[in-house]
Amino acid sequence: MALLFQTGMREGEALGLQWDDFDWPRNLVDLRRTVAVCKGRLVINTPKSGKLRAIDVPAGLCARLRDLRSIRQAQAAVDGVEPSLWLFPALTGAEKPLNASWFWRHVWEPMLRKAKIRHIRMHDARHTYASLMLRRGVPVAYVSRQLGHSSIQVMVDLWHLHPW
């Protein structure tokens, strides 16, 4: 969840991440794919814009993700299996990514209930990211690029319609 709130990624982009997508020394991640389930089938596609893009990941989050990768590699070695390529592997098989609807039902919604937070969509994490960045004075062009908008005008139009 920190990944969604701290990067502005779309849900399918986050679920589509593989460990090799990270450029650890530069705190970047290459968004190369998005994943979704349509009619019960896993669909792996390019990001929404059709363009691959690199986005910044906060250094603290990168450090936590590197630690998670080390833990998973160690666990896979103990279990005698190859570690999953996916940052968020499916519970039914590490060779495929986690299903968004499973994540929503078993992680997102319970987290909101436990925190006593009203229902918000996972996509609202993206809006929260944009709002916090803009309110901190981060240039609109940078935020728009992080979000993968086709133009800065998309960001400006959305901000005026929904000043999160």
C-alpha atoms as a PDB file:
ATOM      1  CA  MET A   1       0.000   0.000   0.000  1.00  0.00           C
ATOM      2  CA  ALA A   2       2.900   2.322   0.703  1.00  0.00           C
ATOM      3  CA  LEU A   3       3.889   1.857  -2.928  1.00  0.00           C
ATOM      4  CA  LEU A   4       0.547   3.226  -4.139  1.00  0.00           C
ATOM      5  CA  PHE A   5       0.529   6.225  -1.791  1.00  0.00           C
ATOM      6  CA  GLN A   6       4.199   7.104  -2.267  1.00  0.00           C
ATOM      7  CA  THR A   7       4.489   6.778  -6.039  1.00  0.00           C
ATOM      8  CA  GLY A   8       1.066   7.459  -7.536  1.00  0.00           C
ATOM      9  CA  MET A   9       1.149   4.199  -9.492  1.00  0.00           C
ATOM     10  CA  ARG A  10      -2.024   2.713 -10.818  1.00  0.00           C
ATOM     11  CA  GLU A  11      -3.110  -0.493  -9.108  1.00  0.00           C
ATOM     12  CA  GLY A  12      -2.414  -2.642 -12.171  1.00  0.00           C
ATOM     13  CA  GLU A  13       1.026  -1.074 -12.581  1.00  0.00           C
ATOM     14  CA  ALA A  14       1.961  -1.904  -8.978  1.00  0.00           C
ATOM     15  CA  LEU A  15       0.664  -5.470  -9.273  1.00  0.00           C
ATOM     16  CA  GLY A  16       2.604  -5.856 -12.534  1.00  0.00           C
ATOM     17  CA  LEU A  17       5.980  -5.070 -10.961  1.00  0.00           C
ATOM     18  CA  GLN A  18       8.779  -7.583 -11.100  1.00  0.00           C
ATOM     19  CA  TRP A  19      11.975  -7.310  -9.069  1.00  0.00           C
ATOM     20  CA  ASP A  20      14.072  -6.674 -12.188  1.00  0.00           C
ATOM     21  CA  ASP A  21      12.026  -3.529 -12.890  1.00  0.00           C
ATOM     22  CA  PHE A  22      13.865  -1.721 -10.070  1.00  0.00           C
ATOM     23  CA  ASP A  23      16.940   0.418 -10.577  1.00  0.00           C
ATOM     24  CA  TRP A  24      18.035   0.241  -6.937  1.00  0.00           C
ATOM     25  CA  PRO A  25      21.020   2.642  -7.045  1.00  0.00           C
ATOM     26  CA  ARG A  26      18.880   5.400  -8.592  1.00  0.00           C
ATOM     27  CA  ASN A  27      15.640   4.696  -6.627  1.00  0.00           C
ATOM     28  CA  LEU A  28      13.687   4.242  -9.841  1.00  0.00           C
ATOM     29  CA  VAL A  29      11.257   1.662 -11.103  1.00  0.00           C
ATOM     30  CA  ASP A  30      10.509   0.991 -14.764  1.00  0.00           C
ATOM     31  CA  LEU A  31       6.786   0.516 -15.308  1.00  0.00           C
ATOM     32  CA  ARG A  32       6.841  -2.024 -18.117  1.00  0.00           C
ATOM     33  CA  ARG A  33       3.522  -3.764 -17.666  1.00  0.00           C
ATOM     34  CA  THR A  34       0.131  -3.653 -16.070  1.00  0.00           C
ATOM     35  CA  VAL A  35      -1.872  -6.646 -14.946  1.00  0.00           C
ATOM     36  CA  ALA A  36      -5.602  -7.183 -14.665  1.00  0.00           C
ATOM     37  CA  VAL A  37      -8.071 -10.029 -14.606  1.00  0.00           C
ATOM     38  CA  CYS A  38     -10.744  -9.921 -17.297  1.00  0.00           C
ATOM     39  CA  LYS A  39     -13.428 -12.613 -17.422  1.00  0.00           C
ATOM     40  CA  GLY A  40     -11.364 -14.763 -15.086  1.00  0.00           C
ATOM     41  CA  ARG A  41      -8.200 -14.573 -17.182  1.00  0.00           C
ATOM     42  CA  LEU A  42      -4.942 -12.819 -16.355  1.00  0.00           C
ATOM     43  CA  VAL A  43      -4.167 -10.041 -18.834  1.00  0.00           C
ATOM     44  CA  ILE A  44      -0.677  -8.565 -18.947  1.00  0.00           C
ATOM     45  CA  ASN A  45      -0.405  -5.407 -21.001  1.00  0.00           C
ATOM     46  CA  THR A  46       1.649  -2.251 -21.407  1.00  0.00           C
ATOM     47  CA  PRO A  47       0.898   0.681 -19.086  1.00  0.00           C
ATOM     48  CA  LYS A  48      -2.244   2.698 -19.805  1.00  0.00           C
ATOM     49  CA  SER A  49      -0.481   5.319 -21.924  1.00  0.00           C
ATOM     50  CA  GLY A  50       1.082   2.553 -24.002  1.00  0.00           C
ATOM     51  CA  LYS A  51       4.471   4.010 -23.078  1.00  0.00           C
ATOM     52  CA  LEU A  52       6.959   2.510 -20.701  1.00  0.00           C
ATOM     53  CA  ARG A  53       8.105   4.980 -18.066  1.00  0.00           C
ATOM     54  CA  ALA A  54      10.464   5.236 -15.130  1.00  0.00           C
ATOM     55  CA  ILE A  55       9.213   6.765 -11.904  1.00  0.00           C
ATOM     56  CA  ASP A  56      10.924   7.839  -8.709  1.00  0.00           C
ATOM     57  CA  VAL A  57      10.503   5.732  -5.588  1.00  0.00           C
ATOM     58  CA  PRO A  58      11.329   7.338  -2.231  1.00  0.00           C
ATOM     59  CA  ALA A  59      14.675   6.095  -0.857  1.00  0.00           C
ATOM     60  CA  GLY A  60      13.103   4.770   2.359  1.00  0.00           C
ATOM     61  CA  LEU A  61      10.559   2.742   0.427  1.00  0.00           C
ATOM     62  CA  CYS A  62      13.287   1.396  -1.872  1.00  0.00           C
ATOM     63  CA  ALA A  63      15.248   0.273   1.197  1.00  0.00           C
ATOM     64  CA  ARG A  64      12.192  -1.539   2.599  1.00  0.00           C
ATOM     65  CA  LEU A  65      11.575  -3.224  -0.756  1.00  0.00           C
ATOM     66  CA  ARG A  66      15.226  -4.347  -1.006  1.00  0.00           C
ATOM     67  CA  ASP A  67      14.877  -5.874   2.467  1.00  0.00           C
ATOM     68  CA  LEU A  68      11.668  -7.634   1.401  1.00  0.00           C
ATOM     69  CA  ARG A  69      13.419  -9.027  -1.671  1.00  0.00           C
ATOM     70  CA  SER A  70      16.259 -10.399   0.482  1.00  0.00           C
ATOM     71  CA  ILE A  71      13.777 -12.048   2.844  1.00  0.00           C
ATOM     72  CA  ARG A  72      11.890 -13.646  -0.038  1.00  0.00           C
ATOM     73  CA  GLN A  73      15.106 -14.878  -1.648  1.00  0.00           C
ATOM     74  CA  ALA A  74      16.207 -16.424   1.637  1.00  0.00           C
ATOM     75  CA  GLN A  75      12.811 -18.073   2.142  1.00  0.00           C
ATOM     76  CA  ALA A  76      12.870 -19.472  -1.389  1.00  0.00           C
ATOM     77  CA  ALA A  77      16.350 -20.911  -0.762  1.00  0.00           C
ATOM     78  CA  VAL A  78      15.158 -22.557   2.456  1.00  0.00           C
ATOM     79  CA  ASP A  79      12.123 -23.958   0.605  1.00  0.00           C
ATOM     80  CA  GLY A  80      14.293 -25.148  -2.303  1.00  0.00           C
ATOM     81  CA  VAL A  81      12.375 -23.152  -4.915  1.00  0.00           C
ATOM     82  CA  GLU A  82      13.128 -20.247  -7.202  1.00  0.00           C
ATOM     83  CA  PRO A  83      12.027 -16.868  -5.821  1.00  0.00           C
ATOM     84  CA  SER A  84       9.090 -15.272  -7.598  1.00  0.00           C
ATOM     85  CA  LEU A  85       9.834 -12.690 -10.271  1.00  0.00           C
ATOM     86  CA  TRP A  86       6.775 -10.742  -9.078  1.00  0.00           C
ATOM     87  CA  LEU A  87       6.912  -8.144  -6.333  1.00  0.00           C
ATOM     88  CA  PHE A  88       3.364  -9.198  -5.405  1.00  0.00           C
ATOM     89  CA  PRO A  89       3.057 -12.879  -6.335  1.00  0.00           C
ATOM     90  CA  ALA A  90      -0.269 -14.694  -6.337  1.00  0.00           C
ATOM     91  CA  LEU A  91      -0.915 -16.896  -3.341  1.00  0.00           C
ATOM     92  CA  THR A  92      -1.997 -19.680  -5.692  1.00  0.00           C
ATOM     93  CA  GLY A  93       1.324 -19.704  -7.537  1.00  0.00           C
ATOM     94  CA  ALA A  94       4.441 -17.539  -7.423  1.00  0.00           C
ATOM     95  CA  GLU A  95       4.737 -17.670 -11.215  1.00  0.00           C
ATOM     96  CA  LYS A  96       1.887 -15.195 -11.629  1.00  0.00           C
ATOM     97  CA  PRO A  97       1.009 -11.805 -10.083  1.00  0.00           C
ATOM     98  CA  LEU A  98      -1.482 -11.159  -7.317  1.00  0.00           C
ATOM     99  CA  ASN A  99      -5.085 -10.668  -8.403  1.00  0.00           C
ATOM    100  CA  ALA A 100      -6.348  -7.118  -7.716  1.00  0.00           C
ATOM    101  CA  SER A 101      -9.769  -8.268  -6.539  1.00  0.00           C
ATOM    102  CA  TRP A 102      -8.142 -10.658  -4.036  1.00  0.00           C
ATOM    103  CA  PHE A 103      -5.955  -7.802  -2.797  1.00  0.00           C
ATOM    104  CA  TRP A 104      -8.999  -5.534  -2.470  1.00  0.00           C
ATOM    105  CA  ARG A 105     -11.046  -8.116  -0.514  1.00  0.00           C
ATOM    106  CA  HIS A 106      -8.315  -9.556   1.689  1.00  0.00           C
ATOM    107  CA  VAL A 107      -5.940  -6.628   2.249  1.00  0.00           C
ATOM    108  CA  TRP A 108      -7.380  -3.243   1.269  1.00  0.00           C
ATOM    109  CA  GLU A 109     -10.866  -3.479   2.754  1.00  0.00           C
ATOM    110  CA  PRO A 110      -9.733  -5.141   6.026  1.00  0.00           C
ATOM    111  CA  MET A 111      -7.041  -2.474   6.394  1.00  0.00           C
ATOM    112  CA  LEU A 112      -9.629   0.290   6.020  1.00  0.00           C
ATOM    113  CA  ARG A 113     -11.941  -1.376   8.543  1.00  0.00           C
ATOM    114  CA  LYS A 114      -9.159  -1.895  11.061  1.00  0.00           C
ATOM    115  CA  ALA A 115      -8.004   1.724  10.688  1.00  0.00           C
ATOM    116  CA  LYS A 116     -11.646   2.892  10.920  1.00  0.00           C
ATOM    117  CA  ILE A 117     -11.286   4.769   7.642  1.00  0.00           C
ATOM    118  CA  ARG A 118     -14.277   5.283   5.395  1.00  0.00           C
ATOM    119  CA  HIS A 119     -14.316   3.302   2.173  1.00  0.00           C
ATOM    120  CA  ILE A 120     -11.888   4.641  -0.403  1.00  0.00           C
ATOM    121  CA  ARG A 121     -10.932   3.053  -3.687  1.00  0.00           C
ATOM    122  CA  MET A 122      -7.360   1.905  -4.263  1.00  0.00           C
ATOM    123  CA  HIS A 123      -7.245   4.438  -7.088  1.00  0.00           C
ATOM    124  CA  ASP A 124      -7.782   7.166  -4.490  1.00  0.00           C
ATOM    125  CA  ALA A 125      -4.230   6.494  -3.259  1.00  0.00           C
ATOM    126  CA  ARG A 126      -3.124   7.938  -6.603  1.00  0.00           C
ATOM    127  CA  HIS A 127      -5.177  11.073  -5.999  1.00  0.00           C
ATOM    128  CA  THR A 128      -3.761  11.366  -2.486  1.00  0.00           C
ATOM    129  CA  TYR A 129      -0.239  11.148  -3.876  1.00  0.00           C
ATOM    130  CA  ALA A 130      -0.939  13.871  -6.445  1.00  0.00           C
ATOM    131  CA  SER A 131      -2.631  16.127  -3.910  1.00  0.00           C
ATOM    132  CA  LEU A 132       0.163  15.844  -1.358  1.00  0.00           C
ATOM    133  CA  MET A 133       2.843  16.464  -3.954  1.00  0.00           C
ATOM    134  CA  LEU A 134       1.095  19.519  -5.392  1.00  0.00           C
ATOM    135  CA  ARG A 135       0.394  20.960  -1.955  1.00  0.00           C
ATOM    136  CA  ARG A 136       4.085  20.594  -1.123  1.00  0.00           C
ATOM    137  CA  GLY A 137       4.858  22.760  -4.142  1.00  0.00           C
ATOM    138  CA  VAL A 138       6.204  19.995  -6.371  1.00  0.00           C
ATOM    139  CA  PRO A 139       5.970  21.157 -10.007  1.00  0.00           C
ATOM    140  CA  VAL A 140       2.845  20.040 -11.852  1.00  0.00           C
ATOM    141  CA  ALA A 141       4.971  18.741 -14.730  1.00  0.00           C
ATOM    142  CA  TYR A 142       6.850  16.367 -12.402  1.00  0.00           C
ATOM    143  CA  VAL A 143       3.663  15.058 -10.755  1.00  0.00           C
ATOM    144  CA  SER A 144       2.036  14.586 -14.149  1.00  0.00           C
ATOM    145  CA  ARG A 145       5.076  12.646 -15.407  1.00  0.00           C
ATOM    146  CA  GLN A 146       5.101  10.438 -12.281  1.00  0.00           C
ATOM    147  CA  LEU A 147       1.420   9.653 -12.818  1.00  0.00           C
ATOM    148  CA  GLY A 148       1.987   8.809 -16.481  1.00  0.00           C
ATOM    149  CA  HIS A 149      -0.438  11.363 -17.856  1.00  0.00           C
ATOM    150  CA  SER A 150      -0.280  11.903 -21.592  1.00  0.00           C
ATOM    151  CA  SER A 151       0.158  15.638 -21.077  1.00  0.00           C
ATOM    152  CA  ILE A 152       0.448  18.169 -18.288  1.00  0.00           C
ATOM    153  CA  GLN A 153      -3.015  19.424 -19.305  1.00  0.00           C
ATOM    154  CA  VAL A 154      -4.566  16.167 -18.035  1.00  0.00           C
ATOM    155  CA  MET A 155      -3.128  16.904 -14.595  1.00  0.00           C
ATOM    156  CA  VAL A 156      -4.290  20.526 -14.656  1.00  0.00           C
ATOM    157  CA  ASP A 157      -7.802  19.566 -15.795  1.00  0.00           C
ATOM    158  CA  LEU A 158      -8.131  16.846 -13.160  1.00  0.00           C
ATOM    159  CA  TRP A 159      -6.859  19.125 -10.402  1.00  0.00           C
ATOM    160  CA  HIS A 160      -9.411  21.822 -11.264  1.00  0.00           C
ATOM    161  CA  LEU A 161     -12.261  19.307 -11.428  1.00  0.00           C
ATOM    162  CA  HIS A 162     -11.272  17.442  -8.255  1.00  0.00           C
ATOM    163  CA  PRO A 163      -8.961  19.491  -6.011  1.00  0.00           C
ATOM    164  CA  TRP A 164      -8.353  16.461  -3.832  1.00  0.00           C
END
